[in-house]
Amino acid sequence: MTTTLTKPQQPGKATHHERQHHSRPATRRRNWAGGLAGWLWLVVVAVPLYWTLITSLKAQSRYYASNPLVPPGNPTLDNYQLVIESDFTRYFVNTVVVTAGAVIPAVVFSFMAAYAIVRGWRVRALRRMNGLFLMGLAIPLQATVIPLNLIVIKLHLYDSLLALILPSIAFAIPLSVLVLANFIRDVPKELFDSMRVDGATEWATLWRLAAPLTRPAILTVTIFNALTIWNGFLLPLVLTQSPERRTLPLALWTFQGQYGVNVPAILAAVVLTTLPILVLYAFGRRQLLSGLTAGFSR
């Protein structure tokens, strides 16, 4: 019988075959299907935006006589001038008032509620309150239109901006509480204990510790709620009547006549309405995406 002796490998040293195996660069397979799907989705999104922009620069008389995807030979800004002269400033101010009047109270209340739920989890009433907020996510806005309309009429708030602000606050709170509570829950408990040892009250801990550490979440819910309320159409349609109380999404009806629709003017109004949203998203898109992802995955 022949015994083959092998030299024991010294710890920490790899063989030539292992070194050669680890030195090879890892090959990554290209996801052609995913790339193709991404380009197709880009086309699906870009074509309507392109059509909206070039159509807003066309004259109404040339809209039906030209190819819808061909840029206008003589672009004009008459549609934008018509939109601005048709009380666009009033509709813009109404939308800003409704958005700011709903977002600021909703975010402040949601932040305080999320802090109370996280820090007072042992209190049974707060646990029930957390379940109540989560139930609000399951109630669609369309299901509350009739009772909401009756409540607003009973409160004599119909056809007012306050009738749009109060329901918008209520529908913005559940998701805001969910996102903010997840962020506050990730704050180390030792920081809260150190604040308590230093003699800080819960109110001081809320605004001096929790608020700075959860700033990305606060910006996330602020931007998300602002986008939702700015583009809201159902509540202004149901709860307002006079032209003086219209918001920008509802004001697009101004350019719809009895026998026709001024499509270039409507699209010019759409462009002007979308510009503030694009600016807001451009400055806060990273906070919005990272905050929503962290809020649902942590």
Protein backbone atom coordinates (compact mmCIF):
# COMPACT_ATOMS: atom_id res chain seq x y z
CA MET A 1 0.00 0.00 0.00
CA THR A 2 1.38 3.35 -0.98
CA THR A 3 0.58 6.43 1.06
CA THR A 4 0.74 9.82 -0.61
CA LEU A 5 1.72 12.64 1.68
CA THR A 6 0.56 16.11 0.89
CA LYS A 7 2.14 19.18 2.25
CA PRO A 8 -0.26 20.84 4.69
CA GLN A 9 -1.44 24.22 3.56
CA GLN A 10 -0.41 27.04 5.80
CA PRO A 11 -3.31 29.01 7.20
CA GLY A 12 -3.91 32.29 5.51
CA LYS A 13 -2.29 31.21 2.23
CA ALA A 14 -4.31 30.14 -0.78
CA THR A 15 -3.19 27.71 -3.45
CA HIS A 16 -2.25 28.82 -6.94
CA HIS A 17 -5.53 27.47 -8.31
CA GLU A 18 -7.57 29.37 -5.69
CA ARG A 19 -5.63 32.58 -6.30
CA GLN A 20 -6.18 32.23 -10.01
CA HIS A 21 -9.87 31.54 -9.44
CA HIS A 22 -10.34 34.59 -7.21
CA SER A 23 -8.32 36.85 -9.50
CA ARG A 24 -10.70 36.31 -12.39
CA PRO A 25 -13.11 39.19 -12.79
CA ALA A 26 -16.70 38.25 -12.11
CA THR A 27 -18.72 38.19 -15.31
CA ARG A 28 -22.10 39.87 -15.13
CA ARG A 29 -24.86 38.79 -17.44
CA ARG A 30 -26.58 41.66 -19.15
CA ASN A 31 -30.30 41.90 -18.61
CA TRP A 32 -31.39 42.53 -22.18
CA ALA A 33 -35.06 41.99 -21.38
CA GLY A 34 -34.97 44.50 -18.54
CA GLY A 35 -33.12 47.05 -20.65
CA LEU A 36 -35.59 46.68 -23.51
CA ALA A 37 -38.52 47.03 -21.14
CA GLY A 38 -36.93 50.16 -19.67
CA TRP A 39 -36.53 51.76 -23.10
CA LEU A 40 -40.09 50.86 -24.04
CA TRP A 41 -41.37 52.42 -20.83
CA LEU A 42 -39.31 55.55 -21.54
CA VAL A 43 -40.98 55.86 -24.95
CA VAL A 44 -44.43 55.34 -23.39
CA VAL A 45 -43.77 58.16 -20.93
CA ALA A 46 -41.89 60.53 -23.23
CA VAL A 47 -44.25 60.51 -26.22
CA PRO A 48 -47.27 62.01 -24.35
CA LEU A 49 -45.03 64.65 -22.77
CA TYR A 50 -43.58 65.53 -26.17
CA TRP A 51 -47.04 65.68 -27.72
CA THR A 52 -48.32 67.92 -24.92
CA LEU A 53 -45.46 70.38 -25.31
CA ILE A 54 -45.55 70.73 -29.09
CA THR A 55 -49.35 70.90 -29.20
CA SER A 56 -49.39 73.74 -26.69
CA LEU A 57 -47.30 75.74 -29.20
CA LYS A 58 -49.72 75.20 -32.09
CA ALA A 59 -52.54 77.49 -33.14
CA GLN A 60 -56.03 76.13 -32.58
CA SER A 61 -56.86 76.44 -36.29
CA ARG A 62 -53.87 74.27 -37.23
CA TYR A 63 -54.37 71.58 -34.60
CA TYR A 64 -56.58 69.24 -36.65
CA ALA A 65 -54.87 70.05 -39.96
CA SER A 66 -51.36 68.91 -39.01
CA ASN A 67 -49.71 65.71 -37.88
CA PRO A 68 -50.04 65.54 -34.08
CA LEU A 69 -46.41 64.40 -33.61
CA VAL A 70 -44.80 66.93 -35.98
CA PRO A 71 -43.51 70.13 -34.33
CA PRO A 72 -45.30 73.30 -35.45
CA GLY A 73 -43.72 75.22 -38.26
CA ASN A 74 -44.69 78.56 -36.70
CA PRO A 75 -44.80 78.02 -32.92
CA THR A 76 -46.89 80.52 -31.00
CA LEU A 77 -47.35 81.49 -27.37
CA ASP A 78 -50.93 82.67 -27.85
CA ASN A 79 -52.26 79.66 -25.96
CA TYR A 80 -50.19 80.52 -22.90
CA GLN A 81 -51.33 84.12 -23.10
CA LEU A 82 -54.94 82.96 -23.28
CA VAL A 83 -54.48 80.76 -20.23
CA ILE A 84 -52.88 83.53 -18.17
CA GLU A 85 -55.64 85.96 -19.13
CA SER A 86 -58.34 83.44 -18.14
CA ASP A 87 -57.93 83.90 -14.36
CA PHE A 88 -55.02 81.51 -14.21
CA THR A 89 -53.48 83.54 -11.38
CA ARG A 90 -56.61 83.13 -9.24
CA TYR A 91 -56.68 79.38 -9.79
CA PHE A 92 -52.99 79.17 -9.03
CA VAL A 93 -53.40 81.07 -5.75
CA ASN A 94 -56.35 78.86 -4.76
CA THR A 95 -54.28 75.75 -5.38
CA VAL A 96 -51.35 77.09 -3.37
CA VAL A 97 -53.62 78.01 -0.46
CA VAL A 98 -55.28 74.59 -0.43
CA THR A 99 -51.98 72.72 -0.75
CA ALA A 100 -50.12 74.70 1.92
CA GLY A 101 -53.14 74.86 4.23
CA ALA A 102 -53.51 71.08 4.12
CA VAL A 103 -49.90 69.89 4.00
CA ILE A 104 -48.49 71.91 6.90
CA PRO A 105 -51.10 70.90 9.53
CA ALA A 106 -51.15 67.31 8.27
CA VAL A 107 -47.38 66.90 8.55
CA VAL A 108 -47.17 68.56 11.98
CA PHE A 109 -50.03 66.50 13.40
CA SER A 110 -48.73 63.28 11.84
CA PHE A 111 -45.26 63.85 13.25
CA MET A 112 -46.58 64.40 16.79
CA ALA A 113 -48.93 61.40 16.47
CA ALA A 114 -46.13 59.16 15.21
CA TYR A 115 -43.89 60.23 18.09
CA ALA A 116 -46.63 59.51 20.63
CA ILE A 117 -47.30 56.08 19.11
CA VAL A 118 -43.62 55.07 19.11
CA ARG A 119 -42.71 56.47 22.52
CA GLY A 120 -45.96 55.48 24.23
CA TRP A 121 -46.42 52.02 22.74
CA ARG A 122 -47.26 50.54 26.15
CA VAL A 123 -50.37 52.70 26.43
CA ARG A 124 -53.33 50.74 25.12
CA ALA A 125 -55.13 53.82 23.80
CA LEU A 126 -52.17 54.73 21.61
CA ARG A 127 -52.02 51.22 20.17
CA ARG A 128 -55.66 51.49 19.22
CA MET A 129 -54.99 54.91 17.73
CA ASN A 130 -52.23 53.41 15.57
CA GLY A 131 -54.67 50.80 14.27
CA LEU A 132 -57.15 53.58 13.52
CA PHE A 133 -54.58 55.41 11.43
CA LEU A 134 -53.74 52.21 9.54
CA MET A 135 -57.43 51.66 8.81
CA GLY A 136 -57.46 55.05 7.12
CA LEU A 137 -55.19 53.64 4.40
CA ALA A 138 -57.88 51.13 3.44
CA ILE A 139 -60.61 53.74 2.87
CA PRO A 140 -60.54 55.19 -0.66
CA LEU A 141 -61.47 58.80 -1.25
CA GLN A 142 -64.23 57.85 -3.69
CA ALA A 143 -66.09 55.91 -0.98
CA THR A 144 -66.43 59.01 1.22
CA VAL A 145 -67.64 61.51 -1.36
CA ILE A 146 -71.35 61.38 -0.42
CA PRO A 147 -70.98 61.50 3.39
CA LEU A 148 -68.23 64.08 3.06
CA ASN A 149 -70.45 66.27 0.91
CA LEU A 150 -73.27 66.05 3.48
CA ILE A 151 -70.95 66.92 6.36
CA VAL A 152 -69.55 69.92 4.52
CA ILE A 153 -73.05 71.18 3.75
CA LYS A 154 -74.11 70.73 7.40
CA LEU A 155 -71.09 72.74 8.52
CA HIS A 156 -71.92 75.51 6.00
CA LEU A 157 -68.51 75.14 4.38
CA TYR A 158 -69.67 74.23 0.89
CA ASP A 159 -68.02 76.17 -1.94
CA SER A 160 -65.10 77.35 0.16
CA LEU A 161 -61.40 76.59 0.24
CA LEU A 162 -61.75 75.35 3.81
CA ALA A 163 -64.02 72.59 2.50
CA LEU A 164 -61.05 71.37 0.45
CA ILE A 165 -58.41 71.83 3.14
CA LEU A 166 -60.03 69.86 5.98
CA PRO A 167 -60.68 66.60 4.04
CA SER A 168 -57.23 66.83 2.45
CA ILE A 169 -55.68 66.96 5.92
CA ALA A 170 -57.65 63.89 7.00
CA PHE A 171 -56.63 61.83 3.97
CA ALA A 172 -52.97 62.85 4.23
CA ILE A 173 -52.54 61.79 7.86
CA PRO A 174 -52.62 57.92 7.70
CA LEU A 175 -49.74 57.45 5.27
CA SER A 176 -47.75 60.24 6.92
CA VAL A 177 -48.08 58.61 10.34
CA LEU A 178 -46.96 55.25 8.93
CA VAL A 179 -43.81 56.67 7.31
CA LEU A 180 -42.87 58.95 10.22
CA ALA A 181 -43.45 56.25 12.85
CA ASN A 182 -41.05 53.90 11.06
CA PHE A 183 -38.36 56.58 11.00
CA ILE A 184 -38.83 57.55 14.65
CA ARG A 185 -38.73 53.87 15.63
CA ASP A 186 -35.23 53.61 14.11
CA VAL A 187 -33.85 56.38 16.34
CA PRO A 188 -31.66 54.72 19.01
CA LYS A 189 -33.39 54.45 22.36
CA GLU A 190 -30.22 55.58 24.13
CA LEU A 191 -30.62 59.06 22.63
CA PHE A 192 -34.07 59.43 24.14
CA ASP A 193 -32.78 58.15 27.49
CA SER A 194 -29.93 60.65 27.46
CA MET A 195 -32.35 63.48 26.79
CA ARG A 196 -34.50 62.34 29.71
CA VAL A 197 -31.45 62.17 31.99
CA ASP A 198 -30.58 65.74 31.01
CA GLY A 199 -34.02 66.81 32.19
CA ALA A 200 -35.58 67.49 28.79
CA THR A 201 -39.34 67.26 28.52
CA GLU A 202 -41.12 65.14 25.92
CA TRP A 203 -41.94 68.29 23.99
CA ALA A 204 -38.26 69.31 23.91
CA THR A 205 -37.24 65.76 22.93
CA LEU A 206 -39.80 65.82 20.13
CA TRP A 207 -38.50 68.97 18.46
CA ARG A 208 -34.81 68.92 19.43
CA LEU A 209 -34.04 65.26 18.91
CA ALA A 210 -36.71 63.44 16.89
CA ALA A 211 -37.38 66.23 14.39
CA PRO A 212 -33.76 66.74 13.21
CA LEU A 213 -33.11 62.99 12.97
CA THR A 214 -36.27 62.32 10.97
CA ARG A 215 -35.89 65.26 8.61
CA PRO A 216 -35.74 63.03 5.48
CA ALA A 217 -39.05 61.45 6.44
CA ILE A 218 -40.65 64.83 7.09
CA LEU A 219 -39.54 66.08 3.68
CA THR A 220 -40.79 62.86 2.11
CA VAL A 221 -44.34 63.10 3.43
CA THR A 222 -44.40 66.84 2.73
CA ILE A 223 -43.50 66.39 -0.94
CA PHE A 224 -45.75 63.38 -1.42
CA ASN A 225 -48.79 65.06 0.14
CA ALA A 226 -48.12 68.28 -1.78
CA LEU A 227 -48.08 66.38 -5.08
CA THR A 228 -51.28 64.54 -4.22
CA ILE A 229 -53.24 67.60 -3.09
CA TRP A 230 -51.95 69.81 -5.92
CA ASN A 231 -53.23 67.34 -8.50
CA GLY A 232 -56.49 66.65 -6.65
CA PHE A 233 -59.58 66.79 -8.86
CA LEU A 234 -62.40 64.94 -7.09
CA LEU A 235 -62.70 67.12 -3.99
CA PRO A 236 -62.77 70.45 -5.88
CA LEU A 237 -65.31 68.96 -8.27
CA VAL A 238 -67.67 67.83 -5.52
CA LEU A 239 -67.18 70.46 -2.81
CA THR A 240 -66.95 73.67 -4.86
CA GLN A 241 -69.24 75.29 -7.40
CA SER A 242 -68.29 78.90 -8.16
CA PRO A 243 -65.44 79.69 -10.57
CA GLU A 244 -63.76 81.79 -7.87
CA ARG A 245 -63.04 78.65 -5.83
CA ARG A 246 -61.64 76.51 -8.60
CA THR A 247 -58.21 74.95 -8.39
CA LEU A 248 -55.87 74.34 -11.31
CA PRO A 249 -56.96 70.77 -12.20
CA LEU A 250 -60.59 71.83 -12.20
CA ALA A 251 -59.87 75.07 -14.06
CA LEU A 252 -59.08 73.13 -17.23
CA TRP A 253 -62.83 73.09 -17.83
CA THR A 254 -62.59 76.78 -18.62
CA PHE A 255 -61.30 75.96 -22.10
CA GLN A 256 -64.09 73.51 -22.91
CA GLY A 257 -66.85 75.24 -24.86
CA GLN A 258 -70.36 74.13 -25.75
CA TYR A 259 -69.49 72.93 -29.24
CA GLY A 260 -65.77 72.29 -29.07
CA VAL A 261 -62.62 72.02 -27.02
CA ASN A 262 -59.58 74.25 -27.34
CA VAL A 263 -57.06 71.44 -27.08
CA PRO A 264 -53.87 73.58 -27.48
CA ALA A 265 -55.07 75.95 -24.73
CA ILE A 266 -55.87 73.03 -22.41
CA LEU A 267 -52.41 71.58 -22.97
CA ALA A 268 -50.82 74.99 -22.37
CA ALA A 269 -52.68 75.09 -19.05
CA VAL A 270 -51.44 71.57 -18.30
CA VAL A 271 -47.85 72.68 -18.93
CA LEU A 272 -48.19 75.69 -16.64
CA THR A 273 -49.88 73.56 -13.97
CA THR A 274 -47.14 70.93 -14.12
CA LEU A 275 -44.18 73.31 -13.89
CA PRO A 276 -44.38 73.85 -10.09
CA ILE A 277 -44.70 70.09 -9.59
CA LEU A 278 -41.63 69.44 -11.73
CA VAL A 279 -39.62 72.03 -9.81
CA LEU A 280 -40.71 70.55 -6.47
CA TYR A 281 -39.91 67.03 -7.61
CA ALA A 282 -36.54 68.05 -9.05
CA PHE A 283 -35.42 69.43 -5.69
CA GLY A 284 -36.91 66.69 -3.52
CA ARG A 285 -36.89 63.51 -5.61
CA ARG A 286 -34.03 61.91 -3.69
CA GLN A 287 -35.69 62.56 -0.36
CA LEU A 288 -39.01 61.33 -1.72
CA LEU A 289 -37.71 58.04 -3.12
CA SER A 290 -35.35 57.22 -0.24
CA GLY A 291 -37.93 58.16 2.37
CA LEU A 292 -40.73 56.08 0.86
CA THR A 293 -38.42 53.10 0.39
CA ALA A 294 -37.15 53.27 3.95
CA GLY A 295 -40.62 53.87 5.32
CA PHE A 296 -41.98 50.64 3.84
CA SER A 297 -38.92 48.39 4.07
CA ARG A 298 -37.68 48.98 7.58
